[in-house]
N, C-alpha and C. Protein backbone atom coordinates (compact mmCIF):
# COMPACT_ATOMS: atom_id res chain seq x y z
N UNK A 1 162.85 182.86 134.07
CA UNK A 1 163.37 184.43 134.76
C UNK A 1 161.54 185.07 134.13
N UNK A 2 160.99 184.74 132.76
CA UNK A 2 159.93 185.56 133.38
C UNK A 2 158.77 185.78 134.28
N UNK A 3 159.07 184.04 135.10
CA UNK A 3 157.74 184.46 136.36
C UNK A 3 158.25 185.09 136.83
N UNK A 4 159.48 184.95 137.74
CA UNK A 4 160.33 186.59 138.38
C UNK A 4 159.92 187.27 137.86
N UNK A 5 160.13 187.94 136.85
CA UNK A 5 159.75 188.95 136.34
C UNK A 5 158.61 189.59 136.53
N UNK A 6 157.44 188.66 136.35
CA UNK A 6 156.35 188.63 136.45
C UNK A 6 156.17 188.87 137.94
N UNK A 7 156.14 188.63 138.90
CA UNK A 7 155.70 188.06 140.36
C UNK A 7 156.42 189.74 140.52
N UNK A 8 157.88 189.98 139.96
CA UNK A 8 158.55 191.20 140.77
C UNK A 8 157.40 192.52 140.45
N UNK A 9 156.50 192.64 138.93
CA UNK A 9 156.18 193.47 138.88
C UNK A 9 155.01 193.52 139.60
N UNK A 10 154.26 192.21 139.32
CA UNK A 10 152.84 192.18 140.46
C UNK A 10 153.30 192.69 141.82
N UNK A 11 153.87 192.51 142.59
CA UNK A 11 154.15 192.57 143.75
C UNK A 11 154.63 194.04 143.92
N UNK A 12 155.47 194.85 142.99
CA UNK A 12 155.75 196.39 143.09
C UNK A 12 154.40 197.03 142.76
N UNK A 13 153.54 196.59 141.94
CA UNK A 13 152.15 197.23 141.71
C UNK A 13 151.38 197.36 143.06
N UNK A 14 151.11 195.71 143.43
CA UNK A 14 150.05 196.28 144.34
C UNK A 14 150.62 196.47 145.86
N UNK A 15 152.05 196.35 146.01
CA UNK A 15 152.58 197.55 146.81
C UNK A 15 152.58 199.19 146.52
N UNK A 16 152.42 199.40 145.43
CA UNK A 16 152.23 200.83 144.91
C UNK A 16 150.86 201.23 145.13
N UNK A 17 149.74 200.51 145.10
CA UNK A 17 148.34 200.60 144.97
C UNK A 17 147.97 200.27 146.56
N UNK A 18 148.94 200.55 147.72
CA UNK A 18 148.41 200.27 148.90
C UNK A 18 149.08 201.04 149.31
N UNK A 19 150.39 202.13 148.81
CA UNK A 19 151.08 203.43 148.89
C UNK A 19 152.10 202.68 150.33
N UNK A 20 152.55 201.79 149.58
CA UNK A 20 153.80 201.42 150.28
C UNK A 20 154.75 201.15 149.60
N UNK A 21 155.96 200.57 150.14
CA UNK A 21 157.15 200.97 149.12
C UNK A 21 157.46 199.44 147.88
N UNK A 22 157.63 200.48 146.81
CA UNK A 22 157.44 199.60 145.67
C UNK A 22 158.84 197.86 145.67
N UNK A 23 159.42 198.70 145.91
CA UNK A 23 160.63 197.38 145.72
C UNK A 23 161.19 196.71 147.24
N UNK A 24 160.22 197.06 148.01
CA UNK A 24 160.17 196.10 148.68
C UNK A 24 159.18 195.07 149.09
N UNK A 25 157.92 195.35 148.19
CA UNK A 25 156.70 194.82 147.39
C UNK A 25 157.23 193.71 146.58
N UNK A 26 158.07 194.19 145.82
CA UNK A 26 158.41 193.62 144.76
C UNK A 26 159.89 192.23 145.03
N UNK A 27 160.50 192.58 145.74
CA UNK A 27 161.84 191.83 146.50
C UNK A 27 160.53 190.48 147.69
N UNK A 28 159.71 190.98 148.07
CA UNK A 28 159.12 190.01 149.15
C UNK A 28 158.58 189.20 148.08
N UNK A 29 157.37 189.42 146.82
CA UNK A 29 156.86 188.95 146.21
C UNK A 29 158.06 187.67 145.34
N UNK A 30 158.90 188.03 145.15
CA UNK A 30 159.90 187.68 144.52
C UNK A 30 160.66 185.94 146.09
N UNK A 31 160.42 187.12 147.32
CA UNK A 31 160.71 186.08 147.88
C UNK A 31 159.68 184.48 148.46
N UNK A 32 158.26 185.08 148.54
CA UNK A 32 157.49 183.97 147.98
C UNK A 32 157.09 183.18 147.46
N UNK A 33 157.65 183.43 145.98
CA UNK A 33 157.72 183.04 144.75
C UNK A 33 159.25 182.04 144.76
N UNK A 34 160.35 182.50 145.60
CA UNK A 34 161.11 181.42 145.49
C UNK A 34 161.09 180.05 146.20
N UNK A 35 160.52 180.73 147.57
CA UNK A 35 160.20 179.41 148.54
C UNK A 35 159.21 179.05 147.98
N UNK A 36 157.68 178.99 147.10
CA UNK A 36 156.94 178.31 146.71
C UNK A 36 157.66 176.95 145.63
N UNK A 37 158.58 177.58 145.56
CA UNK A 37 159.53 176.82 144.24
C UNK A 37 160.14 175.94 144.90
N UNK A 38 160.45 176.18 145.96
CA UNK A 38 161.91 175.59 147.16
C UNK A 38 160.59 174.03 147.24
N UNK A 39 159.55 174.80 148.04
CA UNK A 39 158.62 173.58 148.73
C UNK A 39 158.14 172.70 147.66
N UNK A 40 158.43 172.65 146.35
CA UNK A 40 158.01 171.81 145.28
C UNK A 40 158.68 171.13 145.03
N UNK A 41 160.53 172.05 144.65
CA UNK A 41 161.12 171.64 144.05
C UNK A 41 162.24 170.17 144.82
N UNK A 42 161.98 170.80 146.28
CA UNK A 42 162.67 169.85 147.44
C UNK A 42 162.36 168.02 147.96
N UNK A 43 160.92 168.32 147.87
CA UNK A 43 159.91 167.25 147.53
C UNK A 43 160.95 165.98 146.46
N UNK A 44 160.22 166.85 145.30
CA UNK A 44 160.72 166.09 143.87
C UNK A 44 162.23 165.48 144.12
N UNK A 45 163.23 166.37 144.32
CA UNK A 45 164.60 166.14 144.39
C UNK A 45 164.44 164.68 144.74
N UNK A 46 164.26 165.16 146.34
CA UNK A 46 164.14 163.88 147.43
C UNK A 46 164.07 162.25 146.74
N UNK A 47 162.32 162.26 145.78
CA UNK A 47 162.20 161.39 146.09
C UNK A 47 162.64 161.14 144.18
N UNK A 48 163.30 161.67 143.65
CA UNK A 48 163.87 161.08 142.43
C UNK A 48 162.97 161.95 141.24
N UNK A 49 162.05 162.62 141.02
CA UNK A 49 161.52 162.55 139.69
C UNK A 49 161.68 163.76 138.96
N UNK A 50 162.05 163.95 137.97
CA UNK A 50 161.77 164.88 136.95
C UNK A 50 161.26 164.73 136.30
N UNK A 51 161.83 166.19 135.23
CA UNK A 51 160.31 166.48 134.28
C UNK A 51 160.94 165.72 133.06
N UNK A 52 162.01 165.31 132.66
CA UNK A 52 162.31 164.90 131.58
C UNK A 52 162.63 163.24 131.43
């Protein structure tokens, strides 16, 4: 949860500095974060690895 919040804040701040929509930048960053997590989670799940 903290990672998602940090990504949204950073995305919003970057968008604001570029004079673009803050909400759109925050959502875009969250989408990128979710995609990156999925790309790493899915192969691990397929081969049966876990952290515990």
